[in-house]
Protein backbone atom coordinates (compact mmCIF):
# COMPACT_ATOMS: atom_id res chain seq x y z
CA MET A 1 87.20 66.59 70.13
CA ASP A 2 86.00 70.14 69.93
CA LYS A 3 88.15 73.22 70.60
CA LYS A 4 87.03 73.56 74.23
CA GLN A 5 87.93 69.94 75.07
CA LYS A 6 91.34 70.27 73.38
CA SER A 7 92.04 73.41 75.41
CA ALA A 8 91.04 71.68 78.67
CA LEU A 9 93.21 68.65 77.81
CA LEU A 10 96.17 70.88 77.00
CA GLY A 11 95.74 72.74 80.33
CA LEU A 12 95.52 69.46 82.26
CA THR A 13 98.64 68.12 80.52
CA ALA A 14 100.58 71.29 81.34
CA LEU A 15 99.48 71.05 84.98
CA LEU A 16 100.58 67.42 85.22
CA ILE A 17 103.99 68.30 83.77
CA LEU A 18 104.54 71.41 85.91
CA ALA A 19 103.12 70.24 89.26
CA PRO A 20 106.02 67.90 90.14
CA SER A 21 108.60 70.55 89.28
CA MET A 22 106.80 73.08 91.51
CA MET A 23 107.09 70.65 94.44
CA ILE A 24 110.74 69.77 93.80
CA THR A 25 112.02 73.31 93.08
CA PRO A 26 112.13 74.59 96.71
CA ALA A 27 114.31 71.64 97.70
CA LEU A 28 116.81 72.57 94.98
CA ALA A 29 116.97 76.25 95.96
CA SER A 30 120.43 77.67 96.56
CA SER A 31 120.45 79.03 100.09
CA PHE A 32 122.75 81.71 101.51
CA ASN A 33 123.36 79.18 104.31
CA ASP A 34 125.32 77.11 101.77
CA ALA A 35 127.70 79.98 100.98
CA SER A 36 131.43 79.39 100.69
CA ILE A 37 134.33 81.79 101.12
CA GLY A 38 134.80 83.72 97.89
CA ASP A 39 131.17 83.41 96.74
CA LYS A 40 129.77 86.63 95.31
CA TYR A 41 126.18 87.77 95.80
CA ALA A 42 124.18 90.68 94.41
CA ILE A 43 121.35 92.57 96.07
CA ILE A 44 118.90 94.48 93.90
CA THR A 45 115.85 96.54 94.79
CA ILE A 46 112.36 95.50 93.79
CA LYS A 47 110.70 98.51 95.39
CA GLY A 48 111.74 100.98 98.02
CA GLU A 49 111.15 104.29 99.69
CA ALA A 50 112.98 106.68 101.97
CA LYS A 51 111.44 109.08 104.48
CA THR A 52 112.72 112.12 106.29
CA LYS A 53 111.24 115.09 108.11
CA ILE A 54 112.21 118.54 106.88
CA GLN A 55 110.80 121.64 108.64
CA GLY A 56 108.06 119.54 110.20
CA GLN A 57 106.95 118.00 106.90
CA VAL A 58 107.40 114.28 106.18
CA ILE A 59 109.03 113.74 102.81
CA THR A 60 108.73 110.35 101.08
CA THR A 61 110.79 109.58 98.00
CA PRO A 62 111.77 106.49 95.99
CA ALA A 63 114.93 104.68 97.10
CA SER A 64 117.01 101.82 95.73
CA VAL A 65 120.00 99.77 96.81
CA GLU A 66 122.28 97.69 94.60
CA LEU A 67 125.21 95.92 96.26
CA ILE A 68 127.79 93.33 95.21
CA MET A 69 129.26 91.43 98.15
CA GLU A 70 131.81 88.68 98.66
CA VAL A 71 131.84 86.09 101.45
CA THR A 72 135.09 86.48 103.42
CA GLU A 73 134.58 84.22 106.44
CA ILE A 74 132.18 81.61 107.76
CA TYR A 75 132.14 80.86 111.47
CA GLN A 76 129.51 78.56 113.01
CA ASP A 77 126.16 80.30 112.34
CA TRP A 78 127.68 83.48 110.90
CA ILE A 79 128.54 84.47 107.34
CA LEU A 80 130.83 87.50 107.13
CA PHE A 81 131.31 89.46 103.92
CA LYS A 82 132.63 92.65 102.41
CA VAL A 83 130.70 94.85 100.02
CA ASN A 84 132.87 95.27 96.91
CA ARG A 85 130.75 97.86 95.13
CA GLY A 86 127.30 99.29 94.98
CA GLU A 87 124.99 102.25 94.74
CA ILE A 88 122.28 103.61 97.00
CA GLU A 89 119.89 106.13 95.51
CA VAL A 90 117.72 108.37 97.67
CA ASP A 91 115.83 111.51 96.67
CA GLY A 92 117.55 111.56 93.26
CA VAL A 93 121.04 111.47 94.78
CA THR A 94 123.26 108.45 94.12
CA TYR A 95 125.73 107.41 96.80
CA TYR A 96 128.55 105.13 95.65
CA VAL A 97 129.94 102.51 98.02
CA ILE A 98 133.50 103.12 99.20
CA SER A 99 134.38 99.44 99.09
CA GLY A 100 137.21 99.39 101.61
CA TRP A 101 134.85 100.63 104.31
CA TRP A 102 131.88 98.27 103.99
CA ARG A 103 131.37 95.10 106.00
CA GLY A 104 128.44 92.87 106.77
CA SER A 105 127.24 89.75 108.50
CA HIS A 106 124.38 87.30 108.16
CA ASN A 107 123.11 84.87 110.78
CA LYS A 108 122.13 81.48 109.37
CA ILE A 109 119.60 80.77 112.13
CA THR A 110 117.79 84.11 112.45
CA HIS A 111 118.20 84.99 108.73
CA ILE A 112 119.04 88.56 109.74
CA GLY A 113 121.82 90.52 108.04
CA GLN A 114 123.62 93.77 108.80
CA TYR A 115 125.50 95.98 106.35
CA GLU A 116 127.47 99.10 107.27
CA GLY A 117 129.78 101.44 105.50
CA TRP A 118 130.63 104.74 103.89
CA ALA A 119 129.34 105.94 100.53
CA GLN A 120 130.05 109.09 98.58
CA ASP A 121 127.87 111.29 96.38
CA ASN A 122 129.01 113.03 93.18
CA ASN A 123 130.01 116.14 95.17
CA GLY A 124 132.46 114.16 97.33
CA ASN A 125 130.25 114.15 100.44
CA ASN A 126 130.61 111.01 102.56
CA VAL A 127 127.65 109.48 104.38
CA TYR A 128 127.51 106.41 106.63
CA PHE A 129 124.79 103.81 106.00
CA ILE A 130 123.50 101.26 108.51
CA ILE A 131 121.27 98.64 106.88
CA ARG A 132 119.53 95.55 108.28
CA THR A 133 117.94 92.79 106.24
CA SER A 134 115.54 90.01 107.03
CA ASP A 135 115.10 87.04 104.68
CA LEU A 136 111.44 86.79 103.66
CA ASN A 137 111.10 84.07 101.05
CA GLN A 138 113.64 81.72 99.51
CA THR A 139 113.30 81.03 95.78
CA GLN A 140 115.17 78.70 93.45
CA GLU A 141 117.55 81.47 92.38
CA GLY A 142 117.85 83.57 95.55
CA CYS A 143 115.95 85.20 98.38
CA PHE A 144 113.51 88.07 98.82
CA MET A 145 114.55 90.29 101.72
CA GLY A 146 113.05 93.13 103.69
CA MET A 147 115.63 95.89 104.09
CA LYS A 148 115.56 98.77 106.54
CA GLY A 149 118.26 101.33 107.02
CA ALA A 150 119.22 104.81 108.07
CA PHE A 151 121.72 107.51 107.17
CA ARG A 152 122.30 111.24 107.58
CA ASP A 153 122.62 113.19 104.34
CA PRO A 154 125.12 116.06 103.81
CA GLU A 155 122.42 118.61 104.72
CA GLY A 156 121.93 116.96 108.13
CA ASN A 157 118.61 115.24 107.38
CA TYR A 158 118.14 111.75 108.80
CA TRP A 159 116.61 109.33 106.31
CA LEU A 160 114.91 106.01 106.99
CA LEU A 161 114.99 103.39 104.23
CA ASN A 162 112.34 100.70 103.72
CA LEU A 163 112.86 98.37 100.75
CA LEU A 164 111.93 95.02 99.30
CA THR A 165 115.10 93.54 97.82
CA TYR A 166 116.33 90.35 96.21
CA ARG A 167 119.65 88.59 96.90
CA PHE A 168 121.11 86.06 94.46
CA LYS A 169 124.40 84.26 93.91
CA MET A 170 126.53 85.57 91.05
CA ASN A 171 129.15 82.80 90.67
């Protein structure tokens, strides 16, 4: 066998080994629908932006959200949780979650989530965030989500958030 044939054989062997696992993997994926009370989940940002309008000019800046949440109740098609900690960064300012004031819910059928609560910047200014998520694609380890949100910064500017995020189970 020459080098080209060995390479083709190696590629075919790898494909035959990996193909079954690629078909089985989605069935083994851990879904948020299987959550139990006390389970902890993390949300991280893959990419994101925030937009506002200041003096007639649209400003676009990078944005990120990182949240740690804990399932507190499950009722029929609803998963209820509290956000224990997290950070939201917009326009170079980091807002830290005030954990006692964050709550959220997720519907198992629509795959839509809602997160709300107060966060504080380094100067002690409190802002209220309203965030909605939509599950996009389940993976073996978690779920890609679209995230949209809004808040009013301490200067009175209203910001719109648009992010691609990833949710995964921590425990």
